[in-house]
Amino acid sequence: MNDPKKLPYNFIVVEGNIGAGKTTLCQMLARDYGCRLILEQFAENPFLPYFYHQPERYAFPVELFFMTERHKQLQEELQQHSLFEASIVADYFFLKTLLFAKNNLQEEEYRLFQRLFQVLNAAFPKPDLLVFLHRPVDALINNIRKRGRDYEQDISAEYLRQIQQVYFDFFKSEPPFPIIILDIEHADFQSNAAHYQEIVSSLYAPSPGGILRRAIGQEGAK
């Protein structure tokens, strides 16, 4: 019988494209289920504003900075605490580093980056569940505009489509942990309690492995 006060996994990662709502969902789950919360500290990357204007020039330093900062944060959060003390929800996982690098780096740069990544990734635990929030690109752009981060305002629809494709290519590789893809085109889980509960209920669905896909908030579809 499910415990309504506890999430069914020890380590849940919420992933998605830029502007999908990852951080918001993690904060809500942590609030309602007493989880430890890991949020990516992306805003401190000094190369990020330059990258969105000159991606070819700044891709390698921006990805290298992300990788070292993510590694430092996750090492502190995951390796110094038992995953059995309380559920952990995080709005990113370390492999995200490699997925973005694959999209953003030139071939030679990526090969070098991949070697560094493999060394750093070796000791990290895998998530017990990966939740992927999927929104159409136009909705992502709208969310990016609304939250108003200056350095994100030049992100193109094409770049968001590329990132989306990188994630789905990864899903096709049969990752060694269960994945739930939530289509939230018609959902507003932050304001609509029913939509939020649909997401929570999805976490309790049997997921022995593989990929499960669910649409949230379909009553709002036109």
N, C-alpha and C. Protein backbone atom coordinates (compact mmCIF):
# COMPACT_ATOMS: atom_id res chain seq x y z
N MET A 1 0.85 -1.21 0.00
CA MET A 1 0.00 0.00 0.00
C MET A 1 0.88 1.25 0.00
N ASN A 2 0.59 2.21 -0.85
CA ASN A 2 1.41 3.41 -0.95
C ASN A 2 1.25 4.29 0.26
N ASP A 3 2.37 4.85 0.69
CA ASP A 3 2.35 5.83 1.77
C ASP A 3 2.12 7.20 1.15
N PRO A 4 0.96 7.85 1.39
CA PRO A 4 0.67 9.13 0.75
C PRO A 4 1.55 10.27 1.22
N LYS A 5 2.33 10.03 2.27
CA LYS A 5 3.20 11.08 2.79
C LYS A 5 4.65 10.89 2.36
N LYS A 6 4.90 9.87 1.55
CA LYS A 6 6.26 9.59 1.14
C LYS A 6 6.29 9.22 -0.34
N LEU A 7 7.27 9.76 -1.06
CA LEU A 7 7.40 9.41 -2.46
C LEU A 7 7.95 7.98 -2.60
N PRO A 8 7.61 7.30 -3.69
CA PRO A 8 7.94 5.87 -3.80
C PRO A 8 9.38 5.59 -4.24
N TYR A 9 10.20 6.61 -4.40
CA TYR A 9 11.58 6.42 -4.82
C TYR A 9 12.49 7.24 -3.91
N ASN A 10 13.71 6.74 -3.70
CA ASN A 10 14.66 7.46 -2.85
C ASN A 10 15.32 8.64 -3.57
N PHE A 11 15.53 8.49 -4.88
CA PHE A 11 16.26 9.52 -5.62
C PHE A 11 15.54 9.75 -6.95
N ILE A 12 14.82 10.86 -7.02
CA ILE A 12 14.04 11.22 -8.21
C ILE A 12 14.68 12.44 -8.87
N VAL A 13 14.93 12.33 -10.16
CA VAL A 13 15.45 13.45 -10.94
C VAL A 13 14.36 13.94 -11.87
N VAL A 14 14.12 15.23 -11.86
CA VAL A 14 13.16 15.86 -12.79
C VAL A 14 13.98 16.57 -13.86
N GLU A 15 13.80 16.14 -15.09
CA GLU A 15 14.53 16.74 -16.20
C GLU A 15 13.56 17.32 -17.21
N GLY A 16 14.12 18.02 -18.19
CA GLY A 16 13.31 18.65 -19.21
C GLY A 16 14.10 19.73 -19.90
N ASN A 17 13.53 20.29 -20.93
CA ASN A 17 14.18 21.35 -21.67
C ASN A 17 14.20 22.63 -20.85
N ILE A 18 14.89 23.63 -21.34
CA ILE A 18 14.94 24.93 -20.69
C ILE A 18 13.53 25.52 -20.66
N GLY A 19 13.07 25.91 -19.47
CA GLY A 19 11.74 26.50 -19.35
C GLY A 19 10.61 25.50 -19.19
N ALA A 20 10.93 24.22 -18.95
CA ALA A 20 9.88 23.21 -18.86
C ALA A 20 9.16 23.22 -17.52
N GLY A 21 9.81 23.73 -16.47
CA GLY A 21 9.18 23.76 -15.15
C GLY A 21 9.80 22.80 -14.15
N LYS A 22 11.04 22.38 -14.40
CA LYS A 22 11.72 21.40 -13.55
C LYS A 22 11.85 21.87 -12.11
N THR A 23 12.37 23.07 -11.93
CA THR A 23 12.62 23.58 -10.59
C THR A 23 11.33 23.76 -9.81
N THR A 24 10.31 24.27 -10.48
CA THR A 24 9.01 24.48 -9.82
C THR A 24 8.45 23.16 -9.31
N LEU A 25 8.48 22.13 -10.14
CA LEU A 25 7.94 20.84 -9.71
C LEU A 25 8.76 20.26 -8.56
N CYS A 26 10.07 20.35 -8.62
CA CYS A 26 10.90 19.84 -7.53
C CYS A 26 10.60 20.56 -6.22
N GLN A 27 10.43 21.86 -6.28
CA GLN A 27 10.13 22.63 -5.07
C GLN A 27 8.78 22.21 -4.48
N MET A 28 7.82 21.94 -5.33
CA MET A 28 6.50 21.52 -4.84
C MET A 28 6.57 20.13 -4.21
N LEU A 29 7.30 19.21 -4.82
CA LEU A 29 7.44 17.87 -4.26
C LEU A 29 8.18 17.90 -2.93
N ALA A 30 9.22 18.71 -2.86
CA ALA A 30 9.98 18.83 -1.61
C ALA A 30 9.11 19.42 -0.50
N ARG A 31 8.31 20.39 -0.85
CA ARG A 31 7.41 21.02 0.12
C ARG A 31 6.37 20.03 0.65
N ASP A 32 5.81 19.24 -0.24
CA ASP A 32 4.68 18.39 0.13
C ASP A 32 5.09 17.03 0.69
N TYR A 33 6.31 16.60 0.41
CA TYR A 33 6.72 15.25 0.83
C TYR A 33 7.99 15.25 1.66
N GLY A 34 8.44 16.42 2.09
CA GLY A 34 9.58 16.50 2.98
C GLY A 34 10.88 16.00 2.38
N CYS A 35 11.04 16.13 1.07
CA CYS A 35 12.24 15.64 0.40
C CYS A 35 13.40 16.62 0.57
N ARG A 36 14.58 16.07 0.51
CA ARG A 36 15.75 16.93 0.34
C ARG A 36 15.77 17.41 -1.10
N LEU A 37 16.12 18.67 -1.28
CA LEU A 37 16.00 19.33 -2.57
C LEU A 37 17.38 19.69 -3.11
N ILE A 38 17.65 19.29 -4.35
CA ILE A 38 18.88 19.67 -5.04
C ILE A 38 18.48 20.47 -6.27
N LEU A 39 18.86 21.74 -6.30
CA LEU A 39 18.56 22.60 -7.43
C LEU A 39 19.85 23.04 -8.09
N GLU A 40 19.86 22.99 -9.40
CA GLU A 40 21.07 23.36 -10.14
C GLU A 40 21.41 24.83 -9.93
N GLN A 41 22.68 25.09 -9.70
CA GLN A 41 23.16 26.45 -9.45
C GLN A 41 23.69 27.06 -10.74
N PHE A 42 22.81 27.09 -11.75
CA PHE A 42 23.23 27.48 -13.09
C PHE A 42 23.52 28.97 -13.24
N ALA A 43 22.86 29.80 -12.44
CA ALA A 43 22.95 31.25 -12.64
C ALA A 43 24.34 31.79 -12.37
N GLU A 44 25.19 31.00 -11.69
CA GLU A 44 26.52 31.48 -11.33
C GLU A 44 27.54 31.24 -12.43
N ASN A 45 27.16 30.62 -13.53
CA ASN A 45 28.10 30.36 -14.61
C ASN A 45 28.44 31.67 -15.31
N PRO A 46 29.70 32.16 -15.19
CA PRO A 46 30.02 33.47 -15.75
C PRO A 46 30.07 33.49 -17.27
N PHE A 47 30.14 32.32 -17.90
CA PHE A 47 30.24 32.26 -19.35
C PHE A 47 28.87 32.18 -20.03
N LEU A 48 27.82 31.92 -19.25
CA LEU A 48 26.52 31.65 -19.85
C LEU A 48 25.96 32.83 -20.66
N PRO A 49 25.99 34.06 -20.16
CA PRO A 49 25.46 35.16 -20.98
C PRO A 49 26.19 35.31 -22.31
N TYR A 50 27.52 35.05 -22.32
CA TYR A 50 28.30 35.17 -23.56
C TYR A 50 27.98 34.03 -24.51
N PHE A 51 27.71 32.84 -23.94
CA PHE A 51 27.44 31.67 -24.76
C PHE A 51 26.21 31.89 -25.64
N TYR A 52 25.16 32.48 -25.10
CA TYR A 52 23.94 32.64 -25.88
C TYR A 52 24.12 33.63 -27.03
N HIS A 53 25.14 34.49 -26.94
CA HIS A 53 25.43 35.43 -28.02
C HIS A 53 26.45 34.87 -29.00
N GLN A 54 27.46 34.13 -28.49
CA GLN A 54 28.51 33.57 -29.33
C GLN A 54 28.75 32.11 -28.94
N PRO A 55 27.84 31.21 -29.29
CA PRO A 55 27.93 29.83 -28.83
C PRO A 55 29.19 29.10 -29.29
N GLU A 56 29.66 29.36 -30.51
CA GLU A 56 30.85 28.65 -30.98
C GLU A 56 32.08 29.00 -30.16
N ARG A 57 32.17 30.23 -29.73
CA ARG A 57 33.35 30.68 -28.98
C ARG A 57 33.30 30.24 -27.53
N TYR A 58 32.13 30.25 -26.93
CA TYR A 58 32.04 30.05 -25.48
C TYR A 58 31.46 28.70 -25.08
N ALA A 59 31.19 27.81 -26.03
CA ALA A 59 30.57 26.52 -25.70
C ALA A 59 31.44 25.69 -24.75
N PHE A 60 32.73 25.58 -25.07
CA PHE A 60 33.57 24.71 -24.24
C PHE A 60 33.72 25.23 -22.81
N PRO A 61 34.07 26.50 -22.60
CA PRO A 61 34.16 26.96 -21.20
C PRO A 61 32.84 26.92 -20.45
N VAL A 62 31.72 27.18 -21.14
CA VAL A 62 30.44 27.14 -20.44
C VAL A 62 30.11 25.71 -20.01
N GLU A 63 30.38 24.73 -20.87
CA GLU A 63 30.09 23.34 -20.52
C GLU A 63 31.07 22.81 -19.48
N LEU A 64 32.32 23.22 -19.56
CA LEU A 64 33.31 22.79 -18.57
C LEU A 64 32.97 23.34 -17.19
N PHE A 65 32.54 24.59 -17.14
CA PHE A 65 32.14 25.18 -15.87
C PHE A 65 30.93 24.47 -15.30
N PHE A 66 29.93 24.21 -16.15
CA PHE A 66 28.76 23.47 -15.69
C PHE A 66 29.15 22.12 -15.12
N MET A 67 30.03 21.41 -15.81
CA MET A 67 30.39 20.07 -15.37
C MET A 67 31.08 20.10 -14.01
N THR A 68 32.02 20.99 -13.82
CA THR A 68 32.74 21.02 -12.55
C THR A 68 31.84 21.46 -11.41
N GLU A 69 30.95 22.42 -11.66
CA GLU A 69 30.05 22.88 -10.61
C GLU A 69 28.99 21.83 -10.27
N ARG A 70 28.46 21.16 -11.29
CA ARG A 70 27.50 20.09 -11.02
C ARG A 70 28.15 18.95 -10.25
N HIS A 71 29.36 18.61 -10.64
CA HIS A 71 30.06 17.53 -9.95
C HIS A 71 30.29 17.89 -8.49
N LYS A 72 30.74 19.09 -8.24
CA LYS A 72 30.99 19.52 -6.87
C LYS A 72 29.71 19.47 -6.04
N GLN A 73 28.62 19.99 -6.59
CA GLN A 73 27.36 20.03 -5.84
C GLN A 73 26.83 18.63 -5.58
N LEU A 74 26.79 17.78 -6.61
CA LEU A 74 26.24 16.44 -6.45
C LEU A 74 27.12 15.57 -5.55
N GLN A 75 28.42 15.78 -5.61
CA GLN A 75 29.30 15.03 -4.73
C GLN A 75 29.00 15.34 -3.28
N GLU A 76 28.78 16.60 -2.99
CA GLU A 76 28.44 16.99 -1.62
C GLU A 76 27.08 16.46 -1.20
N GLU A 77 26.10 16.55 -2.10
CA GLU A 77 24.72 16.19 -1.74
C GLU A 77 24.48 14.68 -1.69
N LEU A 78 25.10 13.94 -2.61
CA LEU A 78 24.78 12.53 -2.75
C LEU A 78 25.75 11.59 -2.04
N GLN A 79 27.01 11.95 -2.01
CA GLN A 79 27.99 11.02 -1.47
C GLN A 79 28.23 11.20 0.02
N GLN A 80 27.80 12.30 0.58
CA GLN A 80 28.00 12.52 2.01
C GLN A 80 26.74 12.24 2.81
N HIS A 81 25.67 11.80 2.14
CA HIS A 81 24.42 11.49 2.82
C HIS A 81 23.88 10.17 2.31
N SER A 82 23.19 9.47 3.15
CA SER A 82 22.55 8.22 2.75
C SER A 82 21.28 8.53 1.98
N LEU A 83 21.12 7.87 0.83
CA LEU A 83 19.91 8.06 0.05
C LEU A 83 18.69 7.46 0.73
N PHE A 84 18.90 6.73 1.83
CA PHE A 84 17.78 6.10 2.52
C PHE A 84 17.27 6.93 3.69
N GLU A 85 17.89 8.06 3.95
CA GLU A 85 17.42 8.93 5.04
C GLU A 85 16.10 9.60 4.67
N ALA A 86 16.01 10.09 3.47
CA ALA A 86 14.79 10.75 2.98
C ALA A 86 14.87 10.77 1.46
N SER A 87 13.72 10.89 0.84
CA SER A 87 13.74 10.99 -0.62
C SER A 87 14.45 12.27 -1.04
N ILE A 88 15.14 12.18 -2.15
CA ILE A 88 15.82 13.33 -2.74
C ILE A 88 15.15 13.63 -4.08
N VAL A 89 14.86 14.89 -4.33
CA VAL A 89 14.41 15.32 -5.64
C VAL A 89 15.40 16.36 -6.16
N ALA A 90 15.80 16.20 -7.41
CA ALA A 90 16.78 17.10 -8.02
C ALA A 90 16.25 17.57 -9.36
N ASP A 91 16.55 18.80 -9.73
CA ASP A 91 16.08 19.32 -11.01
C ASP A 91 17.11 19.15 -12.13
N TYR A 92 18.07 18.26 -11.93
CA TYR A 92 19.00 17.87 -12.99
C TYR A 92 19.72 16.61 -12.56
N PHE A 93 20.31 15.91 -13.52
CA PHE A 93 21.21 14.82 -13.20
C PHE A 93 22.52 15.03 -13.96
N PHE A 94 23.58 14.38 -13.51
CA PHE A 94 24.90 14.71 -14.02
C PHE A 94 25.04 14.42 -15.50
N LEU A 95 24.35 13.41 -15.99
CA LEU A 95 24.45 13.07 -17.41
C LEU A 95 23.94 14.20 -18.30
N LYS A 96 23.14 15.08 -17.76
CA LYS A 96 22.71 16.25 -18.51
C LYS A 96 23.91 17.00 -19.07
N THR A 97 24.99 17.00 -18.30
CA THR A 97 26.23 17.67 -18.73
C THR A 97 26.69 17.15 -20.08
N LEU A 98 26.68 15.83 -20.24
CA LEU A 98 27.15 15.24 -21.48
C LEU A 98 26.17 15.46 -22.62
N LEU A 99 24.87 15.45 -22.32
CA LEU A 99 23.88 15.65 -23.36
C LEU A 99 23.97 17.06 -23.96
N PHE A 100 24.09 18.05 -23.10
CA PHE A 100 24.21 19.43 -23.60
C PHE A 100 25.53 19.62 -24.34
N ALA A 101 26.60 19.01 -23.82
CA ALA A 101 27.90 19.14 -24.47
C ALA A 101 27.87 18.51 -25.86
N LYS A 102 27.19 17.38 -25.99
CA LYS A 102 27.10 16.73 -27.30
C LYS A 102 26.43 17.63 -28.31
N ASN A 103 25.46 18.40 -27.87
CA ASN A 103 24.76 19.32 -28.76
C ASN A 103 25.57 20.57 -29.07
N ASN A 104 26.35 21.03 -28.09
CA ASN A 104 26.94 22.36 -28.20
C ASN A 104 28.40 22.39 -28.65
N LEU A 105 29.12 21.27 -28.50
CA LEU A 105 30.56 21.29 -28.77
C LEU A 105 30.89 20.76 -30.16
N GLN A 106 32.03 21.22 -30.67
CA GLN A 106 32.58 20.65 -31.89
C GLN A 106 33.09 19.24 -31.60
N GLU A 107 33.28 18.47 -32.64
CA GLU A 107 33.60 17.04 -32.48
C GLU A 107 34.84 16.81 -31.63
N GLU A 108 35.92 17.51 -31.90
CA GLU A 108 37.15 17.31 -31.13
C GLU A 108 36.97 17.74 -29.68
N GLU A 109 36.28 18.85 -29.49
CA GLU A 109 36.01 19.31 -28.13
C GLU A 109 35.17 18.30 -27.37
N TYR A 110 34.19 17.74 -28.05
CA TYR A 110 33.30 16.79 -27.39
C TYR A 110 34.05 15.53 -26.97
N ARG A 111 34.96 15.05 -27.80
CA ARG A 111 35.71 13.85 -27.44
C ARG A 111 36.53 14.07 -26.17
N LEU A 112 37.17 15.23 -26.07
CA LEU A 112 37.93 15.55 -24.87
C LEU A 112 36.99 15.69 -23.67
N PHE A 113 35.90 16.39 -23.88
CA PHE A 113 34.93 16.60 -22.80
C PHE A 113 34.39 15.26 -22.30
N GLN A 114 34.09 14.37 -23.22
CA GLN A 114 33.53 13.07 -22.86
C GLN A 114 34.49 12.28 -21.97
N ARG A 115 35.78 12.35 -22.24
CA ARG A 115 36.76 11.64 -21.42
C ARG A 115 36.78 12.20 -20.00
N LEU A 116 36.72 13.51 -19.88
CA LEU A 116 36.68 14.13 -18.55
C LEU A 116 35.41 13.75 -17.81
N PHE A 117 34.30 13.76 -18.54
CA PHE A 117 33.02 13.43 -17.94
C PHE A 117 33.02 12.01 -17.38
N GLN A 118 33.53 11.05 -18.13
CA GLN A 118 33.50 9.66 -17.69
C GLN A 118 34.26 9.47 -16.39
N VAL A 119 35.35 10.19 -16.21
CA VAL A 119 36.12 10.10 -14.96
C VAL A 119 35.28 10.62 -13.80
N LEU A 120 34.64 11.77 -13.99
CA LEU A 120 33.89 12.38 -12.90
C LEU A 120 32.59 11.64 -12.60
N ASN A 121 32.01 11.01 -13.60
CA ASN A 121 30.70 10.39 -13.45
C ASN A 121 30.77 9.00 -12.80
N ALA A 122 31.94 8.42 -12.74
CA ALA A 122 32.07 7.01 -12.36
C ALA A 122 31.45 6.68 -11.00
N ALA A 123 31.56 7.57 -10.05
CA ALA A 123 31.15 7.23 -8.68
C ALA A 123 29.72 7.65 -8.32
N PHE A 124 29.02 8.34 -9.23
CA PHE A 124 27.70 8.84 -8.88
C PHE A 124 26.63 7.75 -8.95
N PRO A 125 25.70 7.73 -8.00
CA PRO A 125 24.58 6.80 -8.09
C PRO A 125 23.63 7.20 -9.21
N LYS A 126 22.98 6.22 -9.79
CA LYS A 126 21.97 6.50 -10.81
C LYS A 126 20.66 6.88 -10.12
N PRO A 127 19.84 7.69 -10.76
CA PRO A 127 18.52 7.99 -10.18
C PRO A 127 17.65 6.75 -10.14
N ASP A 128 16.77 6.67 -9.16
CA ASP A 128 15.79 5.59 -9.11
C ASP A 128 14.66 5.82 -10.10
N LEU A 129 14.43 7.08 -10.44
CA LEU A 129 13.41 7.44 -11.43
C LEU A 129 13.78 8.77 -12.06
N LEU A 130 13.66 8.83 -13.38
CA LEU A 130 13.83 10.08 -14.11
C LEU A 130 12.47 10.52 -14.63
N VAL A 131 12.05 11.70 -14.25
CA VAL A 131 10.80 12.30 -14.73
C VAL A 131 11.16 13.38 -15.74
N PHE A 132 10.68 13.24 -16.95
CA PHE A 132 10.99 14.21 -18.00
C PHE A 132 9.74 15.01 -18.33
N LEU A 133 9.82 16.33 -18.14
CA LEU A 133 8.71 17.23 -18.45
C LEU A 133 8.83 17.69 -19.90
N HIS A 134 7.83 17.37 -20.69
CA HIS A 134 7.88 17.70 -22.11
C HIS A 134 6.84 18.75 -22.46
N ARG A 135 7.31 19.86 -22.99
CA ARG A 135 6.44 20.94 -23.47
C ARG A 135 6.82 21.26 -24.92
N PRO A 136 5.87 21.74 -25.72
CA PRO A 136 6.21 22.22 -27.07
C PRO A 136 7.16 23.40 -26.99
N VAL A 137 7.94 23.58 -28.04
CA VAL A 137 8.96 24.62 -28.05
C VAL A 137 8.36 26.01 -27.87
N ASP A 138 7.21 26.27 -28.47
CA ASP A 138 6.62 27.60 -28.32
C ASP A 138 6.24 27.89 -26.86
N ALA A 139 5.82 26.84 -26.12
CA ALA A 139 5.50 27.02 -24.71
C ALA A 139 6.78 27.27 -23.90
N LEU A 140 7.86 26.60 -24.27
CA LEU A 140 9.14 26.83 -23.59
C LEU A 140 9.59 28.28 -23.78
N ILE A 141 9.49 28.77 -25.00
CA ILE A 141 9.89 30.15 -25.27
C ILE A 141 9.04 31.12 -24.47
N ASN A 142 7.76 30.87 -24.37
CA ASN A 142 6.88 31.72 -23.59
C ASN A 142 7.28 31.73 -22.12
N ASN A 143 7.60 30.56 -21.57
CA ASN A 143 8.04 30.49 -20.18
C ASN A 143 9.36 31.21 -19.96
N ILE A 144 10.28 31.07 -20.91
CA ILE A 144 11.58 31.74 -20.81
C ILE A 144 11.38 33.25 -20.81
N ARG A 145 10.50 33.73 -21.68
CA ARG A 145 10.24 35.18 -21.73
C ARG A 145 9.64 35.66 -20.41
N LYS A 146 8.70 34.88 -19.86
CA LYS A 146 8.00 35.31 -18.65
C LYS A 146 8.93 35.38 -17.45
N ARG A 147 9.87 34.44 -17.33
CA ARG A 147 10.73 34.49 -16.14
C ARG A 147 11.82 35.54 -16.27
N GLY A 148 12.08 36.04 -17.46
CA GLY A 148 12.80 37.29 -17.64
C GLY A 148 14.28 37.29 -17.32
N ARG A 149 14.94 36.16 -17.42
CA ARG A 149 16.40 36.16 -17.24
C ARG A 149 17.05 36.75 -18.48
N ASP A 150 17.80 37.82 -18.32
CA ASP A 150 18.33 38.55 -19.48
C ASP A 150 19.14 37.66 -20.40
N TYR A 151 19.98 36.80 -19.82
CA TYR A 151 20.90 36.01 -20.64
C TYR A 151 20.19 34.88 -21.39
N GLU A 152 18.88 34.64 -21.10
CA GLU A 152 18.14 33.60 -21.80
C GLU A 152 17.28 34.13 -22.94
N GLN A 153 17.17 35.43 -23.05
CA GLN A 153 16.18 35.99 -23.98
C GLN A 153 16.53 35.76 -25.45
N ASP A 154 17.78 35.43 -25.76
CA ASP A 154 18.16 35.19 -27.14
C ASP A 154 18.18 33.70 -27.50
N ILE A 155 17.71 32.84 -26.61
CA ILE A 155 17.64 31.42 -26.93
C ILE A 155 16.66 31.21 -28.08
N SER A 156 17.10 30.50 -29.10
CA SER A 156 16.27 30.31 -30.29
C SER A 156 15.41 29.06 -30.19
N ALA A 157 14.35 29.04 -30.98
CA ALA A 157 13.50 27.86 -31.05
C ALA A 157 14.30 26.67 -31.58
N GLU A 158 15.19 26.91 -32.52
CA GLU A 158 15.99 25.83 -33.07
C GLU A 158 16.90 25.20 -32.02
N TYR A 159 17.49 26.03 -31.17
CA TYR A 159 18.34 25.49 -30.10
C TYR A 159 17.52 24.62 -29.15
N LEU A 160 16.33 25.06 -28.80
CA LEU A 160 15.46 24.27 -27.92
C LEU A 160 15.06 22.96 -28.58
N ARG A 161 14.81 22.97 -29.88
CA ARG A 161 14.49 21.74 -30.59
C ARG A 161 15.68 20.78 -30.57
N GLN A 162 16.87 21.31 -30.71
CA GLN A 162 18.08 20.47 -30.68
C GLN A 162 18.24 19.81 -29.31
N ILE A 163 18.04 20.59 -28.25
CA ILE A 163 18.16 20.04 -26.90
C ILE A 163 17.11 18.95 -26.68
N GLN A 164 15.91 19.20 -27.13
CA GLN A 164 14.84 18.22 -27.00
C GLN A 164 15.23 16.92 -27.70
N GLN A 165 15.80 17.03 -28.89
CA GLN A 165 16.18 15.84 -29.64
C GLN A 165 17.30 15.07 -28.95
N VAL A 166 18.23 15.78 -28.33
CA VAL A 166 19.32 15.12 -27.61
C VAL A 166 18.77 14.25 -26.49
N TYR A 167 17.79 14.78 -25.76
CA TYR A 167 17.18 14.00 -24.69
C TYR A 167 16.49 12.75 -25.24
N PHE A 168 15.73 12.90 -26.31
CA PHE A 168 14.99 11.75 -26.84
C PHE A 168 15.93 10.72 -27.47
N ASP A 169 17.03 11.17 -28.03
CA ASP A 169 18.04 10.22 -28.50
C ASP A 169 18.60 9.42 -27.33
N PHE A 170 18.81 10.09 -26.21
CA PHE A 170 19.30 9.40 -25.02
C PHE A 170 18.28 8.37 -24.53
N PHE A 171 17.01 8.72 -24.53
CA PHE A 171 15.99 7.78 -24.08
C PHE A 171 15.97 6.51 -24.94
N LYS A 172 16.27 6.65 -26.22
CA LYS A 172 16.30 5.50 -27.12
C LYS A 172 17.46 4.55 -26.80
N SER A 173 18.43 5.01 -26.02
CA SER A 173 19.60 4.19 -25.72
C SER A 173 19.36 3.21 -24.58
N GLU A 174 18.14 3.11 -24.10
CA GLU A 174 17.75 2.20 -23.04
C GLU A 174 18.56 2.43 -21.75
N PRO A 175 18.38 3.59 -21.12
CA PRO A 175 19.08 3.89 -19.86
C PRO A 175 18.74 2.87 -18.78
N PRO A 176 19.65 2.66 -17.82
CA PRO A 176 19.46 1.62 -16.80
C PRO A 176 18.62 2.06 -15.60
N PHE A 177 17.60 2.87 -15.84
CA PHE A 177 16.68 3.30 -14.79
C PHE A 177 15.36 3.67 -15.45
N PRO A 178 14.25 3.56 -14.71
CA PRO A 178 12.95 3.86 -15.31
C PRO A 178 12.79 5.36 -15.60
N ILE A 179 12.03 5.64 -16.64
CA ILE A 179 11.80 7.01 -17.09
C ILE A 179 10.30 7.21 -17.29
N ILE A 180 9.79 8.31 -16.79
CA ILE A 180 8.41 8.72 -17.07
C ILE A 180 8.47 10.03 -17.84
N ILE A 181 7.94 10.01 -19.05
CA ILE A 181 7.84 11.24 -19.85
C ILE A 181 6.43 11.79 -19.67
N LEU A 182 6.35 12.99 -19.14
CA LEU A 182 5.06 13.63 -18.89
C LEU A 182 4.83 14.73 -19.92
N ASP A 183 3.84 14.55 -20.75
CA ASP A 183 3.46 15.59 -21.71
C ASP A 183 2.59 16.60 -20.98
N ILE A 184 3.11 17.81 -20.83
CA ILE A 184 2.40 18.82 -20.03
C ILE A 184 2.02 20.04 -20.86
N GLU A 185 1.79 19.80 -22.15
CA GLU A 185 1.38 20.90 -23.03
C GLU A 185 0.13 21.59 -22.52
N HIS A 186 -0.83 20.82 -21.98
CA HIS A 186 -2.10 21.37 -21.54
C HIS A 186 -2.20 21.43 -20.02
N ALA A 187 -1.08 21.33 -19.35
CA ALA A 187 -1.10 21.29 -17.88
C ALA A 187 -0.53 22.58 -17.29
N ASP A 188 -1.08 22.95 -16.14
CA ASP A 188 -0.56 24.04 -15.33
C ASP A 188 -0.48 23.53 -13.90
N PHE A 189 0.52 22.69 -13.65
CA PHE A 189 0.58 22.01 -12.35
C PHE A 189 0.88 22.96 -11.20
N GLN A 190 1.40 24.14 -11.50
CA GLN A 190 1.68 25.10 -10.43
C GLN A 190 0.40 25.71 -9.88
N SER A 191 -0.57 25.94 -10.73
CA SER A 191 -1.82 26.59 -10.32
C SER A 191 -3.00 25.65 -10.23
N ASN A 192 -2.93 24.52 -10.90
CA ASN A 192 -4.06 23.60 -10.95
C ASN A 192 -3.72 22.36 -10.12
N ALA A 193 -4.39 22.22 -8.98
CA ALA A 193 -4.09 21.13 -8.06
C ALA A 193 -4.35 19.77 -8.69
N ALA A 194 -5.36 19.68 -9.56
CA ALA A 194 -5.66 18.41 -10.21
C ALA A 194 -4.53 17.97 -11.13
N HIS A 195 -3.95 18.92 -11.85
CA HIS A 195 -2.82 18.59 -12.72
C HIS A 195 -1.62 18.14 -11.90
N TYR A 196 -1.36 18.83 -10.83
CA TYR A 196 -0.26 18.44 -9.94
C TYR A 196 -0.48 17.03 -9.39
N GLN A 197 -1.70 16.72 -9.00
CA GLN A 197 -1.99 15.39 -8.46
C GLN A 197 -1.84 14.31 -9.53
N GLU A 198 -2.14 14.64 -10.77
CA GLU A 198 -1.90 13.69 -11.86
C GLU A 198 -0.43 13.35 -11.96
N ILE A 199 0.42 14.35 -11.81
CA ILE A 199 1.86 14.11 -11.87
C ILE A 199 2.30 13.23 -10.71
N VAL A 200 1.83 13.57 -9.51
CA VAL A 200 2.20 12.78 -8.33
C VAL A 200 1.74 11.33 -8.48
N SER A 201 0.53 11.14 -8.97
CA SER A 201 0.01 9.79 -9.18
C SER A 201 0.87 9.02 -10.17
N SER A 202 1.41 9.71 -11.16
CA SER A 202 2.27 9.05 -12.14
C SER A 202 3.52 8.49 -11.50
N LEU A 203 3.99 9.13 -10.43
CA LEU A 203 5.19 8.66 -9.76
C LEU A 203 4.96 7.32 -9.08
N TYR A 204 3.72 7.03 -8.74
CA TYR A 204 3.39 5.78 -8.06
C TYR A 204 3.06 4.66 -9.04
N ALA A 205 3.02 4.96 -10.33
CA ALA A 205 2.74 3.92 -11.31
C ALA A 205 3.88 2.91 -11.34
N PRO A 206 3.59 1.63 -11.49
CA PRO A 206 4.66 0.62 -11.55
C PRO A 206 5.65 0.94 -12.67
N SER A 207 6.93 1.00 -12.31
CA SER A 207 7.97 1.32 -13.29
C SER A 207 9.17 0.42 -13.07
N PRO A 208 9.06 -0.86 -13.41
CA PRO A 208 10.19 -1.76 -13.22
C PRO A 208 11.36 -1.44 -14.12
N GLY A 209 11.13 -0.68 -15.16
CA GLY A 209 12.17 -0.30 -16.10
C GLY A 209 11.53 0.21 -17.37
N GLY A 210 12.35 0.69 -18.28
CA GLY A 210 11.83 1.19 -19.54
C GLY A 210 11.25 2.58 -19.41
N ILE A 211 10.40 2.94 -20.37
CA ILE A 211 9.86 4.30 -20.47
C ILE A 211 8.34 4.25 -20.46
N LEU A 212 7.76 5.07 -19.62
CA LEU A 212 6.31 5.25 -19.54
C LEU A 212 6.00 6.68 -19.96
N ARG A 213 5.01 6.86 -20.80
CA ARG A 213 4.64 8.21 -21.24
C ARG A 213 3.20 8.49 -20.88
N ARG A 214 2.97 9.66 -20.27
CA ARG A 214 1.63 10.05 -19.87
C ARG A 214 1.37 11.51 -20.22
N ALA A 215 0.12 11.79 -20.57
CA ALA A 215 -0.31 13.16 -20.84
C ALA A 215 -1.03 13.69 -19.60
N ILE A 216 -0.67 14.90 -19.19
CA ILE A 216 -1.24 15.54 -18.00
C ILE A 216 -2.15 16.67 -18.43
N GLY A 217 -3.31 16.77 -17.76
CA GLY A 217 -4.21 17.89 -18.02
C GLY A 217 -4.92 17.83 -19.35
N GLN A 218 -5.25 16.64 -19.80
CA GLN A 218 -5.86 16.49 -21.11
C GLN A 218 -7.26 17.09 -21.18
N GLU A 219 -7.90 17.30 -20.03
CA GLU A 219 -9.23 17.91 -20.07
C GLU A 219 -9.18 19.34 -20.57
N GLY A 220 -7.96 19.95 -20.55
CA GLY A 220 -7.80 21.31 -21.04
C GLY A 220 -7.46 21.39 -22.51
N ALA A 221 -7.30 20.22 -23.16
CA ALA A 221 -6.92 20.22 -24.57
C ALA A 221 -8.08 20.69 -25.44
N LYS A 222 -7.74 21.38 -26.48
CA LYS A 222 -8.76 21.86 -27.43
C LYS A 222 -9.12 20.76 -28.42
